[in-house]
Structures are given as structure tokens and as C-alpha cells.
Amino acid sequence: MKLTFIATSVITFSTLANCEKQEGEIGKVIKQDGLKLEITAINDSRCPVGVNCVTEGEAVVSFEAKTSGQSAEFGLVLNTAGDEKDTVILGYQVTLLEVNPYPEENTTGHSANQTVKVEIIKQ
């Protein structure tokens, strides 16, 4: 089963065929087929729109995953260098799809309403 997860400040649920979308704030535990997934941190150092940077930077998202009797902490990276943006953990494939909003000039490395979109597929 595929799951698309978006972390924001509002919680809503909707189901479309085998794709379920969930939204929750950072720190919220999302449950999916025996998996509990929590976003524990977002570190966004991507180069802001309209700025010339030496490197493009990256968005690193930290997670804690739990199933019955097992837990694991892991991080996924969103950048253009092809670093690890997906992993298989505790029997689920987790892929980091988006971190929004994209940084703009004269803003800090993260926003209070920053969202993370992941896809989860049970293996």
C-alpha cells in the first residue's frame, strides 16, 4: 500500500484508491499499516530562489519509525546531488518527495509552516 504523508500544521485525511494522504504537524505520529512515523527535525539549507550560491544546498529531514517491538531513527536528504532520498526501514520503503516552501531570499533556513511530503510503501 502506498501512503503519501505531508507534515503541516493541520490534520486532514483523504483516501484515493490505494493512495492515502495524511497531513500532520512536526512531531505528530502518523500511523500506517502498523508503522508509526514521526518527523523529528527539518534542516533546510537549500539555496534560496533568486540567490547565486556556491552549492545548491539540501533539505535534511529526520524521522523516527516504530513498529511493534522495533524502532529506528533515520534521515533522508533532498538535493540535486542524488543523496539518499529513500530507504527501506522496518519493512517499509520511505521516499522523501518534497520539502515546502522552497526557501526565498531574506528568509531563515526553515518556516513555521514548512511541510514534508513522503511516500510510504509497505514491502
Protein backbone atom coordinates (compact mmCIF):
# COMPACT_ATOMS: atom_id res chain seq x y z
CA MET A 1 0.00 0.00 0.00
CA LYS A 2 1.26 3.48 -0.84
CA LEU A 3 0.97 6.34 1.61
CA THR A 4 1.72 9.95 0.90
CA PHE A 5 2.41 11.94 4.05
CA ILE A 6 2.59 15.71 4.28
CA ALA A 7 3.57 17.34 7.57
CA THR A 8 1.90 20.71 8.15
CA SER A 9 0.09 22.47 10.96
CA VAL A 10 -3.32 20.96 10.08
CA ILE A 11 -4.51 17.35 10.19
CA THR A 12 -6.76 16.03 7.43
CA PHE A 13 -7.40 12.59 5.99
CA SER A 14 -8.45 11.52 2.50
CA THR A 15 -8.31 8.24 0.63
CA LEU A 16 -7.98 7.74 -3.13
CA ALA A 17 -7.81 4.08 -4.24
CA ASN A 18 -4.56 2.70 -2.73
CA CYS A 19 -3.03 6.12 -2.10
CA GLU A 20 -3.73 7.69 1.26
CA LYS A 21 -2.70 11.26 2.02
CA GLN A 22 -2.23 12.49 5.56
CA GLU A 23 -1.18 15.84 6.90
CA GLY A 24 0.19 16.48 10.38
CA GLU A 25 2.40 18.87 12.24
CA ILE A 26 6.04 18.14 13.01
CA GLY A 27 6.08 15.83 16.00
CA LYS A 28 2.75 14.26 15.07
CA VAL A 29 2.81 10.46 14.86
CA ILE A 30 1.26 9.14 11.66
CA LYS A 31 0.05 5.54 11.70
CA GLN A 32 0.05 3.36 8.56
CA ASP A 33 -0.36 -0.43 8.42
CA GLY A 34 1.48 -1.00 11.69
CA LEU A 35 4.08 1.74 11.09
CA LYS A 36 4.25 4.85 13.24
CA LEU A 37 6.27 7.62 11.55
CA GLU A 38 7.24 10.89 13.18
CA ILE A 39 9.13 13.81 11.64
CA THR A 40 11.59 14.88 14.31
CA ALA A 41 13.52 17.65 12.52
CA ILE A 42 13.87 19.56 9.25
CA ASN A 43 17.15 21.27 8.34
CA ASP A 44 16.72 23.22 5.11
CA SER A 45 19.89 24.78 3.70
CA ARG A 46 18.81 24.89 0.04
CA CYS A 47 19.90 27.93 -1.93
CA PRO A 48 17.04 30.48 -1.90
CA VAL A 49 15.24 31.41 -5.10
CA GLY A 50 16.93 34.37 -6.81
CA VAL A 51 20.27 33.93 -5.00
CA ASN A 52 23.55 32.78 -6.56
CA CYS A 53 25.08 30.18 -4.25
CA VAL A 54 28.30 28.16 -4.44
CA THR A 55 26.26 24.98 -3.81
CA GLU A 56 22.56 24.26 -4.15
CA GLY A 57 22.32 23.05 -0.56
CA GLU A 58 19.95 20.40 0.72
CA ALA A 59 16.96 19.72 2.90
CA VAL A 60 17.58 17.02 5.52
CA VAL A 61 14.58 15.51 7.26
CA SER A 62 14.94 13.33 10.37
CA PHE A 63 12.39 10.66 11.21
CA GLU A 64 11.61 8.13 13.91
CA ALA A 65 9.84 4.97 12.73
CA LYS A 66 8.21 2.42 15.03
CA THR A 67 6.51 -0.91 14.54
CA SER A 68 5.52 -3.41 17.20
CA GLY A 69 8.70 -4.14 19.11
CA GLN A 70 11.07 -2.24 16.78
CA SER A 71 12.13 1.36 16.31
CA ALA A 72 14.65 3.20 14.18
CA GLU A 73 15.76 6.76 13.60
CA PHE A 74 16.80 7.79 10.11
CA GLY A 75 17.24 10.79 7.86
CA LEU A 76 16.52 11.48 4.22
CA VAL A 77 18.12 14.16 2.03
CA LEU A 78 16.50 16.18 -0.74
CA ASN A 79 19.06 17.70 -3.12
CA THR A 80 20.28 17.53 -6.70
CA ALA A 81 23.42 15.52 -5.87
CA GLY A 82 21.45 12.28 -5.69
CA ASP A 83 21.99 11.64 -1.97
CA GLU A 84 19.73 9.25 -0.12
CA LYS A 85 16.15 10.41 -0.56
CA ASP A 86 14.64 6.98 0.08
CA THR A 87 15.25 3.97 2.28
CA VAL A 88 13.67 0.72 3.39
CA ILE A 89 13.17 0.74 7.14
CA LEU A 90 11.29 -1.78 9.30
CA GLY A 91 9.68 -3.31 6.21
CA TYR A 92 8.52 -0.03 4.62
CA GLN A 93 10.02 1.97 1.76
CA VAL A 94 10.02 5.65 2.69
CA THR A 95 10.77 8.21 -0.05
CA LEU A 96 11.21 11.94 0.56
CA LEU A 97 9.37 13.74 -2.26
CA GLU A 98 9.19 17.42 -1.27
CA VAL A 99 10.05 19.97 1.40
CA ASN A 100 8.00 23.15 1.08
CA PRO A 101 8.03 26.06 0.90
CA TYR A 102 11.24 26.39 -1.08
CA PRO A 103 13.49 28.99 0.63
CA GLU A 104 13.30 32.57 -0.59
CA GLU A 105 15.82 35.37 -0.30
CA ASN A 106 15.97 37.04 3.16
CA THR A 107 14.35 34.10 4.98
CA THR A 108 15.79 31.74 7.57
CA GLY A 109 16.53 28.06 6.97
CA HIS A 110 13.03 26.96 7.91
CA SER A 111 9.50 28.19 8.19
CA ALA A 112 6.90 27.59 10.90
CA ASN A 113 4.58 26.17 8.24
CA GLN A 114 7.20 24.05 6.48
CA THR A 115 5.82 20.83 5.01
CA VAL A 116 7.36 17.48 4.19
CA LYS A 117 5.89 15.09 1.65
CA VAL A 118 6.89 11.43 1.73
CA GLU A 119 5.66 8.26 0.11
CA ILE A 120 5.47 5.08 2.17
CA ILE A 121 5.10 1.66 0.59
CA LYS A 122 4.79 -1.48 2.71
CA GLN A 123 7.28 -4.09 1.44
